[in-house]
Amino acid sequence: MAEAVVTQADTDVLDLGAVLRALGDEHRRAVMIELAADRSDGERTCHSFNLPVSKQTRTYHFRTLRDAGLICETNYGNKKGVRLRRAEIDRRFPGLLDLLAAEFSRVNPAS
């Protein structure tokens, strides 16, 4: 089965309010903190994040991050891959990912 990239927000029209609302939830912020701290920017599955929520809620959180323009998703049929839109975010919101990565270091001092 061929992969399909799910539609994502255009970074030129990203709204700061939408980004802040997406980051306002502790679960979505935790995902973004992990992604920002991983400088390899590799693709991850939605289930690779330790989110104590139902599958439906997990789907909602990733859709919210995608709609805010923070991640892109690739649909593989029975699973989705997510990737941080680092270059686009850095261009539109300089320093935001550095703040999130610093939070990862603060929360995970052994890492």
PDB file of N, CA and C in Angstrom:
ATOM      1  N   MET A   1       0.837  -1.172   0.000  1.00  0.00           N
ATOM      2  CA  MET A   1       0.000   0.000   0.000  1.00  0.00           C
ATOM      3  C   MET A   1       0.888   1.243   0.000  1.00  0.00           C
ATOM      4  N   ALA A   2       0.569   2.205  -0.821  1.00  0.00           N
ATOM      5  CA  ALA A   2       1.349   3.436  -0.909  1.00  0.00           C
ATOM      6  C   ALA A   2       1.049   4.327   0.287  1.00  0.00           C
ATOM      7  N   GLU A   3       2.070   5.064   0.685  1.00  0.00           N
ATOM      8  CA  GLU A   3       1.883   5.986   1.792  1.00  0.00           C
ATOM      9  C   GLU A   3       1.271   7.275   1.269  1.00  0.00           C
ATOM     10  N   ALA A   4       0.565   7.970   2.139  1.00  0.00           N
ATOM     11  CA  ALA A   4      -0.058   9.238   1.772  1.00  0.00           C
ATOM     12  C   ALA A   4       0.192  10.249   2.876  1.00  0.00           C
ATOM     13  N   VAL A   5       0.736  11.396   2.509  1.00  0.00           N
ATOM     14  CA  VAL A   5       0.943  12.448   3.489  1.00  0.00           C
ATOM     15  C   VAL A   5      -0.403  13.108   3.739  1.00  0.00           C
ATOM     16  N   VAL A   6      -0.733  13.277   4.999  1.00  0.00           N
ATOM     17  CA  VAL A   6      -1.986  13.913   5.377  1.00  0.00           C
ATOM     18  C   VAL A   6      -1.819  15.420   5.210  1.00  0.00           C
ATOM     19  N   THR A   7      -2.877  16.088   4.788  1.00  0.00           N
ATOM     20  CA  THR A   7      -2.835  17.532   4.598  1.00  0.00           C
ATOM     21  C   THR A   7      -2.373  18.226   5.865  1.00  0.00           C
ATOM     22  N   GLN A   8      -1.564  19.262   5.700  1.00  0.00           N
ATOM     23  CA  GLN A   8      -1.038  20.001   6.831  1.00  0.00           C
ATOM     24  C   GLN A   8      -1.201  21.491   6.605  1.00  0.00           C
ATOM     25  N   ALA A   9      -1.125  22.253   7.688  1.00  0.00           N
ATOM     26  CA  ALA A   9      -1.271  23.699   7.607  1.00  0.00           C
ATOM     27  C   ALA A   9      -0.074  24.319   6.896  1.00  0.00           C
ATOM     28  N   ASP A  10      -0.313  25.394   6.175  1.00  0.00           N
ATOM     29  CA  ASP A  10       0.745  26.153   5.520  1.00  0.00           C
ATOM     30  C   ASP A  10       1.418  27.034   6.564  1.00  0.00           C
ATOM     31  N   THR A  11       2.740  26.939   6.702  1.00  0.00           N
ATOM     32  CA  THR A  11       3.428  27.682   7.756  1.00  0.00           C
ATOM     33  C   THR A  11       3.372  29.185   7.545  1.00  0.00           C
ATOM     34  N   ASP A  12       3.143  29.661   6.319  1.00  0.00           N
ATOM     35  CA  ASP A  12       3.070  31.104   6.093  1.00  0.00           C
ATOM     36  C   ASP A  12       1.832  31.732   6.718  1.00  0.00           C
ATOM     37  N   VAL A  13       0.816  30.928   6.966  1.00  0.00           N
ATOM     38  CA  VAL A  13      -0.413  31.468   7.545  1.00  0.00           C
ATOM     39  C   VAL A  13      -0.678  30.908   8.943  1.00  0.00           C
ATOM     40  N   LEU A  14       0.334  30.327   9.569  1.00  0.00           N
ATOM     41  CA  LEU A  14       0.152  29.780  10.903  1.00  0.00           C
ATOM     42  C   LEU A  14      -0.219  30.877  11.875  1.00  0.00           C
ATOM     43  N   ASP A  15      -1.152  30.569  12.720  1.00  0.00           N
ATOM     44  CA  ASP A  15      -1.651  31.517  13.700  1.00  0.00           C
ATOM     45  C   ASP A  15      -1.010  31.225  15.052  1.00  0.00           C
ATOM     46  N   LEU A  16      -0.401  32.226  15.652  1.00  0.00           N
ATOM     47  CA  LEU A  16       0.239  32.046  16.945  1.00  0.00           C
ATOM     48  C   LEU A  16      -0.760  31.545  17.985  1.00  0.00           C
ATOM     49  N   GLY A  17      -1.972  32.034  17.939  1.00  0.00           N
ATOM     50  CA  GLY A  17      -3.000  31.584  18.882  1.00  0.00           C
ATOM     51  C   GLY A  17      -3.282  30.100  18.748  1.00  0.00           C
ATOM     52  N   ALA A  18      -3.360  29.597  17.510  1.00  0.00           N
ATOM     53  CA  ALA A  18      -3.613  28.170  17.287  1.00  0.00           C
ATOM     54  C   ALA A  18      -2.454  27.333  17.807  1.00  0.00           C
ATOM     55  N   VAL A  19      -1.222  27.808  17.597  1.00  0.00           N
ATOM     56  CA  VAL A  19      -0.053  27.090  18.084  1.00  0.00           C
ATOM     57  C   VAL A  19      -0.049  27.066  19.611  1.00  0.00           C
ATOM     58  N   LEU A  20      -0.324  28.203  20.227  1.00  0.00           N
ATOM     59  CA  LEU A  20      -0.336  28.252  21.690  1.00  0.00           C
ATOM     60  C   LEU A  20      -1.462  27.408  22.274  1.00  0.00           C
ATOM     61  N   ARG A  21      -2.627  27.390  21.609  1.00  0.00           N
ATOM     62  CA  ARG A  21      -3.727  26.525  22.076  1.00  0.00           C
ATOM     63  C   ARG A  21      -3.319  25.063  21.977  1.00  0.00           C
ATOM     64  N   ALA A  22      -2.639  24.690  20.893  1.00  0.00           N
ATOM     65  CA  ALA A  22      -2.192  23.305  20.735  1.00  0.00           C
ATOM     66  C   ALA A  22      -1.199  22.943  21.835  1.00  0.00           C
ATOM     67  N   LEU A  23      -0.316  23.860  22.165  1.00  0.00           N
ATOM     68  CA  LEU A  23       0.691  23.594  23.201  1.00  0.00           C
ATOM     69  C   LEU A  23       0.131  23.745  24.614  1.00  0.00           C
ATOM     70  N   GLY A  24      -1.069  24.259  24.733  1.00  0.00           N
ATOM     71  CA  GLY A  24      -1.680  24.461  26.045  1.00  0.00           C
ATOM     72  C   GLY A  24      -2.072  23.170  26.739  1.00  0.00           C
ATOM     73  N   ASP A  25      -2.237  22.108  25.996  1.00  0.00           N
ATOM     74  CA  ASP A  25      -2.596  20.817  26.584  1.00  0.00           C
ATOM     75  C   ASP A  25      -1.332  20.066  26.978  1.00  0.00           C
ATOM     76  N   GLU A  26      -1.317  19.514  28.178  1.00  0.00           N
ATOM     77  CA  GLU A  26      -0.111  18.847  28.682  1.00  0.00           C
ATOM     78  C   GLU A  26       0.323  17.652  27.831  1.00  0.00           C
ATOM     79  N   HIS A  27      -0.614  16.915  27.250  1.00  0.00           N
ATOM     80  CA  HIS A  27      -0.258  15.747  26.435  1.00  0.00           C
ATOM     81  C   HIS A  27       0.348  16.173  25.101  1.00  0.00           C
ATOM     82  N   ARG A  28      -0.261  17.159  24.464  1.00  0.00           N
ATOM     83  CA  ARG A  28       0.291  17.646  23.192  1.00  0.00           C
ATOM     84  C   ARG A  28       1.642  18.314  23.421  1.00  0.00           C
ATOM     85  N   ARG A  29       1.765  19.044  24.528  1.00  0.00           N
ATOM     86  CA  ARG A  29       3.040  19.677  24.848  1.00  0.00           C
ATOM     87  C   ARG A  29       4.111  18.618  25.090  1.00  0.00           C
ATOM     88  N   ALA A  30       3.758  17.517  25.756  1.00  0.00           N
ATOM     89  CA  ALA A  30       4.721  16.431  25.995  1.00  0.00           C
ATOM     90  C   ALA A  30       5.219  15.843  24.676  1.00  0.00           C
ATOM     91  N   VAL A  31       4.335  15.670  23.715  1.00  0.00           N
ATOM     92  CA  VAL A  31       4.736  15.170  22.390  1.00  0.00           C
ATOM     93  C   VAL A  31       5.703  16.150  21.749  1.00  0.00           C
ATOM     94  N   MET A  32       5.363  17.422  21.786  1.00  0.00           N
ATOM     95  CA  MET A  32       6.210  18.439  21.160  1.00  0.00           C
ATOM     96  C   MET A  32       7.554  18.570  21.863  1.00  0.00           C
ATOM     97  N   ILE A  33       7.576  18.414  23.174  1.00  0.00           N
ATOM     98  CA  ILE A  33       8.831  18.469  23.927  1.00  0.00           C
ATOM     99  C   ILE A  33       9.750  17.335  23.479  1.00  0.00           C
ATOM    100  N   GLU A  34       9.196  16.129  23.352  1.00  0.00           N
ATOM    101  CA  GLU A  34      10.008  14.984  22.888  1.00  0.00           C
ATOM    102  C   GLU A  34      10.521  15.193  21.471  1.00  0.00           C
ATOM    103  N   LEU A  35       9.650  15.661  20.600  1.00  0.00           N
ATOM    104  CA  LEU A  35      10.058  15.870  19.211  1.00  0.00           C
ATOM    105  C   LEU A  35      11.108  16.969  19.098  1.00  0.00           C
ATOM    106  N   ALA A  36      10.945  18.049  19.847  1.00  0.00           N
ATOM    107  CA  ALA A  36      11.893  19.160  19.791  1.00  0.00           C
ATOM    108  C   ALA A  36      13.259  18.746  20.320  1.00  0.00           C
ATOM    109  N   ALA A  37      13.283  17.873  21.313  1.00  0.00           N
ATOM    110  CA  ALA A  37      14.546  17.439  21.916  1.00  0.00           C
ATOM    111  C   ALA A  37      15.314  16.471  21.020  1.00  0.00           C
ATOM    112  N   ASP A  38      14.627  15.801  20.120  1.00  0.00           N
ATOM    113  CA  ASP A  38      15.263  14.829  19.215  1.00  0.00           C
ATOM    114  C   ASP A  38      15.695  15.539  17.934  1.00  0.00           C
ATOM    115  N   ARG A  39      16.945  15.954  17.896  1.00  0.00           N
ATOM    116  CA  ARG A  39      17.450  16.732  16.762  1.00  0.00           C
ATOM    117  C   ARG A  39      17.559  15.919  15.470  1.00  0.00           C
ATOM    118  N   SER A  40      17.412  14.589  15.550  1.00  0.00           N
ATOM    119  CA  SER A  40      17.481  13.787  14.328  1.00  0.00           C
ATOM    120  C   SER A  40      16.233  13.970  13.470  1.00  0.00           C
ATOM    121  N   ASP A  41      15.147  14.441  14.084  1.00  0.00           N
ATOM    122  CA  ASP A  41      13.882  14.681  13.386  1.00  0.00           C
ATOM    123  C   ASP A  41      13.379  13.467  12.620  1.00  0.00           C
ATOM    124  N   GLY A  42      13.643  12.290  13.157  1.00  0.00           N
ATOM    125  CA  GLY A  42      13.145  11.077  12.533  1.00  0.00           C
ATOM    126  C   GLY A  42      11.645  10.937  12.691  1.00  0.00           C
ATOM    127  N   GLU A  43      11.070  10.163  11.814  1.00  0.00           N
ATOM    128  CA  GLU A  43       9.637   9.902  11.891  1.00  0.00           C
ATOM    129  C   GLU A  43       9.364   8.930  13.029  1.00  0.00           C
ATOM    130  N   ARG A  44       8.286   9.171  13.751  1.00  0.00           N
ATOM    131  CA  ARG A  44       7.864   8.291  14.840  1.00  0.00           C
ATOM    132  C   ARG A  44       6.410   7.913  14.648  1.00  0.00           C
ATOM    133  N   THR A  45       6.031   6.786  15.232  1.00  0.00           N
ATOM    134  CA  THR A  45       4.621   6.419  15.201  1.00  0.00           C
ATOM    135  C   THR A  45       3.912   7.109  16.353  1.00  0.00           C
ATOM    136  N   CYS A  46       2.626   7.267  16.223  1.00  0.00           N
ATOM    137  CA  CYS A  46       1.832   7.910  17.279  1.00  0.00           C
ATOM    138  C   CYS A  46       1.927   7.121  18.581  1.00  0.00           C
ATOM    139  N   HIS A  47       2.071   5.797  18.474  1.00  0.00           N
ATOM    140  CA  HIS A  47       2.103   4.943  19.666  1.00  0.00           C
ATOM    141  C   HIS A  47       3.467   4.935  20.355  1.00  0.00           C
ATOM    142  N   SER A  48       4.460   5.596  19.773  1.00  0.00           N
ATOM    143  CA  SER A  48       5.783   5.623  20.404  1.00  0.00           C
ATOM    144  C   SER A  48       5.863   6.646  21.542  1.00  0.00           C
ATOM    145  N   PHE A  49       4.807   7.428  21.698  1.00  0.00           N
ATOM    146  CA  PHE A  49       4.757   8.410  22.780  1.00  0.00           C
ATOM    147  C   PHE A  49       3.973   7.822  23.953  1.00  0.00           C
ATOM    148  N   ASN A  50       4.451   8.052  25.145  1.00  0.00           N
ATOM    149  CA  ASN A  50       3.804   7.524  26.343  1.00  0.00           C
ATOM    150  C   ASN A  50       2.669   8.456  26.774  1.00  0.00           C
ATOM    151  N   LEU A  51       1.542   8.330  26.092  1.00  0.00           N
ATOM    152  CA  LEU A  51       0.375   9.151  26.416  1.00  0.00           C
ATOM    153  C   LEU A  51      -0.678   8.276  27.088  1.00  0.00           C
ATOM    154  N   PRO A  52      -1.049   8.608  28.327  1.00  0.00           N
ATOM    155  CA  PRO A  52      -2.029   7.802  29.058  1.00  0.00           C
ATOM    156  C   PRO A  52      -3.466   8.158  28.674  1.00  0.00           C
ATOM    157  N   VAL A  53      -3.783   8.024  27.379  1.00  0.00           N
ATOM    158  CA  VAL A  53      -5.110   8.389  26.889  1.00  0.00           C
ATOM    159  C   VAL A  53      -5.604   7.297  25.944  1.00  0.00           C
ATOM    160  N   SER A  54      -6.894   7.343  25.645  1.00  0.00           N
ATOM    161  CA  SER A  54      -7.477   6.363  24.726  1.00  0.00           C
ATOM    162  C   SER A  54      -7.003   6.617  23.295  1.00  0.00           C
ATOM    163  N   LYS A  55      -7.241   5.643  22.425  1.00  0.00           N
ATOM    164  CA  LYS A  55      -6.848   5.770  21.026  1.00  0.00           C
ATOM    165  C   LYS A  55      -7.545   6.968  20.371  1.00  0.00           C
ATOM    166  N   GLN A  56      -8.816   7.169  20.679  1.00  0.00           N
ATOM    167  CA  GLN A  56      -9.568   8.285  20.111  1.00  0.00           C
ATOM    168  C   GLN A  56      -8.987   9.625  20.565  1.00  0.00           C
ATOM    169  N   THR A  57      -8.616   9.709  21.844  1.00  0.00           N
ATOM    170  CA  THR A  57      -8.048  10.946  22.372  1.00  0.00           C
ATOM    171  C   THR A  57      -6.667  11.188  21.786  1.00  0.00           C
ATOM    172  N   ARG A  58      -5.900  10.135  21.625  1.00  0.00           N
ATOM    173  CA  ARG A  58      -4.575  10.239  21.001  1.00  0.00           C
ATOM    174  C   ARG A  58      -4.719  10.787  19.573  1.00  0.00           C
ATOM    175  N   THR A  59      -5.664  10.244  18.824  1.00  0.00           N
ATOM    176  CA  THR A  59      -5.929  10.713  17.462  1.00  0.00           C
ATOM    177  C   THR A  59      -6.277  12.196  17.465  1.00  0.00           C
ATOM    178  N   TYR A  60      -7.121  12.605  18.400  1.00  0.00           N
ATOM    179  CA  TYR A  60      -7.516  14.008  18.524  1.00  0.00           C
ATOM    180  C   TYR A  60      -6.296  14.892  18.782  1.00  0.00           C
ATOM    181  N   HIS A  61      -5.417  14.470  19.692  1.00  0.00           N
ATOM    182  CA  HIS A  61      -4.247  15.276  20.020  1.00  0.00           C
ATOM    183  C   HIS A  61      -3.320  15.441  18.816  1.00  0.00           C
ATOM    184  N   PHE A  62      -3.080  14.363  18.092  1.00  0.00           N
ATOM    185  CA  PHE A  62      -2.200  14.456  16.926  1.00  0.00           C
ATOM    186  C   PHE A  62      -2.849  15.274  15.810  1.00  0.00           C
ATOM    187  N   ARG A  63      -4.150  15.185  15.643  1.00  0.00           N
ATOM    188  CA  ARG A  63      -4.848  16.010  14.650  1.00  0.00           C
ATOM    189  C   ARG A  63      -4.719  17.491  15.011  1.00  0.00           C
ATOM    190  N   THR A  64      -4.839  17.799  16.300  1.00  0.00           N
ATOM    191  CA  THR A  64      -4.710  19.187  16.751  1.00  0.00           C
ATOM    192  C   THR A  64      -3.311  19.724  16.459  1.00  0.00           C
ATOM    193  N   LEU A  65      -2.283  18.931  16.740  1.00  0.00           N
ATOM    194  CA  LEU A  65      -0.910  19.348  16.437  1.00  0.00           C
ATOM    195  C   LEU A  65      -0.703  19.534  14.934  1.00  0.00           C
ATOM    196  N   ARG A  66      -1.269  18.629  14.148  1.00  0.00           N
ATOM    197  CA  ARG A  66      -1.159  18.727  12.683  1.00  0.00           C
ATOM    198  C   ARG A  66      -1.878  19.971  12.174  1.00  0.00           C
ATOM    199  N   ASP A  67      -3.091  20.207  12.657  1.00  0.00           N
ATOM    200  CA  ASP A  67      -3.867  21.355  12.208  1.00  0.00           C
ATOM    201  C   ASP A  67      -3.222  22.680  12.599  1.00  0.00           C
ATOM    202  N   ALA A  68      -2.473  22.678  13.686  1.00  0.00           N
ATOM    203  CA  ALA A  68      -1.747  23.884  14.103  1.00  0.00           C
ATOM    204  C   ALA A  68      -0.472  24.074  13.288  1.00  0.00           C
ATOM    205  N   GLY A  69      -0.106  23.072  12.488  1.00  0.00           N
ATOM    206  CA  GLY A  69       1.072  23.170  11.633  1.00  0.00           C
ATOM    207  C   GLY A  69       2.357  22.731  12.288  1.00  0.00           C
ATOM    208  N   LEU A  70       2.280  22.093  13.444  1.00  0.00           N
ATOM    209  CA  LEU A  70       3.477  21.720  14.187  1.00  0.00           C
ATOM    210  C   LEU A  70       4.073  20.391  13.750  1.00  0.00           C
ATOM    211  N   ILE A  71       3.250  19.493  13.250  1.00  0.00           N
ATOM    212  CA  ILE A  71       3.724  18.193  12.782  1.00  0.00           C
ATOM    213  C   ILE A  71       3.102  17.895  11.422  1.00  0.00           C
ATOM    214  N   CYS A  72       3.696  16.943  10.726  1.00  0.00           N
ATOM    215  CA  CYS A  72       3.044  16.379   9.551  1.00  0.00           C
ATOM    216  C   CYS A  72       2.870  14.892   9.820  1.00  0.00           C
ATOM    217  N   GLU A  73       1.867  14.321   9.226  1.00  0.00           N
ATOM    218  CA  GLU A  73       1.565  12.904   9.403  1.00  0.00           C
ATOM    219  C   GLU A  73       1.661  12.202   8.063  1.00  0.00           C
ATOM    220  N   THR A  74       2.123  10.965   8.115  1.00  0.00           N
ATOM    221  CA  THR A  74       2.116  10.098   6.942  1.00  0.00           C
ATOM    222  C   THR A  74       1.251   8.899   7.281  1.00  0.00           C
ATOM    223  N   ASN A  75       0.262   8.633   6.446  1.00  0.00           N
ATOM    224  CA  ASN A  75      -0.665   7.533   6.671  1.00  0.00           C
ATOM    225  C   ASN A  75      -0.156   6.297   5.942  1.00  0.00           C
ATOM    226  N   TYR A  76       0.109   5.242   6.727  1.00  0.00           N
ATOM    227  CA  TYR A  76       0.586   3.981   6.159  1.00  0.00           C
ATOM    228  C   TYR A  76      -0.519   2.926   6.134  1.00  0.00           C
ATOM    229  N   GLY A  77      -1.749   3.354   6.283  1.00  0.00           N
ATOM    230  CA  GLY A  77      -2.865   2.409   6.288  1.00  0.00           C
ATOM    231  C   GLY A  77      -3.242   2.008   7.691  1.00  0.00           C
ATOM    232  N   ASN A  78      -2.448   1.124   8.305  1.00  0.00           N
ATOM    233  CA  ASN A  78      -2.779   0.659   9.652  1.00  0.00           C
ATOM    234  C   ASN A  78      -2.033   1.423  10.743  1.00  0.00           C
ATOM    235  N   LYS A  79      -1.216   2.400  10.363  1.00  0.00           N
ATOM    236  CA  LYS A  79      -0.526   3.237  11.348  1.00  0.00           C
ATOM    237  C   LYS A  79      -0.182   4.568  10.701  1.00  0.00           C
ATOM    238  N   LYS A  80       0.140   5.541  11.545  1.00  0.00           N
ATOM    239  CA  LYS A  80       0.554   6.854  11.060  1.00  0.00           C
ATOM    240  C   LYS A  80       1.924   7.189  11.606  1.00  0.00           C
ATOM    241  N   GLY A  81       2.718   7.802  10.763  1.00  0.00           N
ATOM    242  CA  GLY A  81       4.008   8.325  11.190  1.00  0.00           C
ATOM    243  C   GLY A  81       3.879   9.819  11.386  1.00  0.00           C
ATOM    244  N   VAL A  82       4.559  10.347  12.386  1.00  0.00           N
ATOM    245  CA  VAL A  82       4.545  11.782  12.629  1.00  0.00           C
ATOM    246  C   VAL A  82       5.974  12.308  12.590  1.00  0.00           C
ATOM    247  N   ARG A  83       6.087  13.519  12.104  1.00  0.00           N
ATOM    248  CA  ARG A  83       7.395  14.171  12.005  1.00  0.00           C
ATOM    249  C   ARG A  83       7.212  15.642  12.361  1.00  0.00           C
ATOM    250  N   LEU A  84       8.161  16.150  13.114  1.00  0.00           N
ATOM    251  CA  LEU A  84       8.175  17.557  13.485  1.00  0.00           C
ATOM    252  C   LEU A  84       8.499  18.409  12.266  1.00  0.00           C
ATOM    253  N   ARG A  85       7.829  19.512  12.107  1.00  0.00           N
ATOM    254  CA  ARG A  85       8.107  20.432  11.000  1.00  0.00           C
ATOM    255  C   ARG A  85       9.113  21.486  11.481  1.00  0.00           C
ATOM    256  N   ARG A  86      10.303  21.015  11.842  1.00  0.00           N
ATOM    257  CA  ARG A  86      11.311  21.862  12.496  1.00  0.00           C
ATOM    258  C   ARG A  86      11.673  23.102  11.674  1.00  0.00           C
ATOM    259  N   ALA A  87      12.023  22.929  10.419  1.00  0.00           N
ATOM    260  CA  ALA A  87      12.459  24.071   9.605  1.00  0.00           C
ATOM    261  C   ALA A  87      11.353  25.116   9.502  1.00  0.00           C
ATOM    262  N   GLU A  88      10.146  24.670   9.267  1.00  0.00           N
ATOM    263  CA  GLU A  88       9.029  25.600   9.117  1.00  0.00           C
ATOM    264  C   GLU A  88       8.718  26.320  10.429  1.00  0.00           C
ATOM    265  N   ILE A  89       8.759  25.572  11.531  1.00  0.00           N
ATOM    266  CA  ILE A  89       8.487  26.180  12.839  1.00  0.00           C
ATOM    267  C   ILE A  89       9.589  27.168  13.200  1.00  0.00           C
ATOM    268  N   ASP A  90      10.837  26.781  12.962  1.00  0.00           N
ATOM    269  CA  ASP A  90      11.950  27.690  13.262  1.00  0.00           C
ATOM    270  C   ASP A  90      11.861  28.973  12.436  1.00  0.00           C
ATOM    271  N   ARG A  91      11.406  28.852  11.211  1.00  0.00           N
ATOM    272  CA  ARG A  91      11.275  30.033  10.349  1.00  0.00           C
ATOM    273  C   ARG A  91      10.143  30.943  10.838  1.00  0.00           C
ATOM    274  N   ARG A  92       9.030  30.352  11.216  1.00  0.00           N
ATOM    275  CA  ARG A  92       7.852  31.144  11.609  1.00  0.00           C
ATOM    276  C   ARG A  92       7.899  31.583  13.067  1.00  0.00           C
ATOM    277  N   PHE A  93       8.404  30.716  13.954  1.00  0.00           N
ATOM    278  CA  PHE A  93       8.446  31.001  15.392  1.00  0.00           C
ATOM    279  C   PHE A  93       9.845  30.725  15.936  1.00  0.00           C
ATOM    280  N   PRO A  94      10.815  31.578  15.604  1.00  0.00           N
ATOM    281  CA  PRO A  94      12.197  31.342  16.045  1.00  0.00           C
ATOM    282  C   PRO A  94      12.291  31.195  17.569  1.00  0.00           C
ATOM    283  N   GLY A  95      13.004  30.170  18.006  1.00  0.00           N
ATOM    284  CA  GLY A  95      13.232  29.953  19.426  1.00  0.00           C
ATOM    285  C   GLY A  95      12.204  29.070  20.117  1.00  0.00           C
ATOM    286  N   LEU A  96      11.062  28.840  19.505  1.00  0.00           N
ATOM    287  CA  LEU A  96      10.019  28.041  20.147  1.00  0.00           C
ATOM    288  C   LEU A  96      10.495  26.620  20.425  1.00  0.00           C
ATOM    289  N   LEU A  97      11.111  25.986  19.459  1.00  0.00           N
ATOM    290  CA  LEU A  97      11.562  24.607  19.651  1.00  0.00           C
ATOM    291  C   LEU A  97      12.718  24.530  20.645  1.00  0.00           C
ATOM    292  N   ASP A  98      13.538  25.561  20.704  1.00  0.00           N
ATOM    293  CA  ASP A  98      14.607  25.593  21.702  1.00  0.00           C
ATOM    294  C   ASP A  98      14.025  25.624  23.113  1.00  0.00           C
ATOM    295  N   LEU A  99      12.949  26.379  23.299  1.00  0.00           N
ATOM    296  CA  LEU A  99      12.280  26.415  24.602  1.00  0.00           C
ATOM    297  C   LEU A  99      11.713  25.048  24.976  1.00  0.00           C
ATOM    298  N   LEU A 100      11.109  24.381  24.005  1.00  0.00           N
ATOM    299  CA  LEU A 100      10.551  23.058  24.264  1.00  0.00           C
ATOM    300  C   LEU A 100      11.650  22.041  24.549  1.00  0.00           C
ATOM    301  N   ALA A 101      12.751  22.101  23.816  1.00  0.00           N
ATOM    302  CA  ALA A 101      13.868  21.177  24.049  1.00  0.00           C
ATOM    303  C   ALA A 101      14.474  21.416  25.427  1.00  0.00           C
ATOM    304  N   ALA A 102      14.550  22.663  25.855  1.00  0.00           N
ATOM    305  CA  ALA A 102      15.061  22.978  27.196  1.00  0.00           C
ATOM    306  C   ALA A 102      14.145  22.396  28.262  1.00  0.00           C
ATOM    307  N   GLU A 103      12.860  22.386  27.999  1.00  0.00           N
ATOM    308  CA  GLU A 103      11.904  21.795  28.932  1.00  0.00           C
ATOM    309  C   GLU A 103      12.135  20.290  29.047  1.00  0.00           C
ATOM    310  N   PHE A 104      12.476  19.632  27.944  1.00  0.00           N
ATOM    311  CA  PHE A 104      12.784  18.208  27.984  1.00  0.00           C
ATOM    312  C   PHE A 104      13.974  17.948  28.908  1.00  0.00           C
ATOM    313  N   SER A 105      15.007  18.767  28.779  1.00  0.00           N
ATOM    314  CA  SER A 105      16.192  18.612  29.621  1.00  0.00           C
ATOM    315  C   SER A 105      15.867  18.847  31.095  1.00  0.00           C
ATOM    316  N   ARG A 106      14.956  19.772  31.363  1.00  0.00           N
ATOM    317  CA  ARG A 106      14.573  20.073  32.744  1.00  0.00           C
ATOM    318  C   ARG A 106      13.756  18.920  33.343  1.00  0.00           C
ATOM    319  N   VAL A 107      12.859  18.354  32.561  1.00  0.00           N
ATOM    320  CA  VAL A 107      11.989  17.284  33.036  1.00  0.00           C
ATOM    321  C   VAL A 107      12.703  15.942  33.074  1.00  0.00           C
ATOM    322  N   ASN A 108      13.688  15.743  32.196  1.00  0.00           N
ATOM    323  CA  ASN A 108      14.438  14.481  32.078  1.00  0.00           C
ATOM    324  C   ASN A 108      15.923  14.751  32.277  1.00  0.00           C
ATOM    325  N   PRO A 109      16.364  15.091  33.493  1.00  0.00           N
ATOM    326  CA  PRO A 109      17.766  15.466  33.700  1.00  0.00           C
ATOM    327  C   PRO A 109      18.769  14.368  33.372  1.00  0.00           C
ATOM    328  N   ALA A 110      18.371  13.105  33.393  1.00  0.00           N
ATOM    329  CA  ALA A 110      19.294  12.000  33.101  1.00  0.00           C
ATOM    330  C   ALA A 110      19.509  11.827  31.601  1.00  0.00           C
ATOM    331  N   SER A 111      18.689  12.450  30.771  1.00  0.00           N
ATOM    332  CA  SER A 111      18.788  12.284  29.309  1.00  0.00           C
ATOM    333  C   SER A 111      19.865  13.134  28.713  1.00  0.00           C
TER     334      SER A 111
END
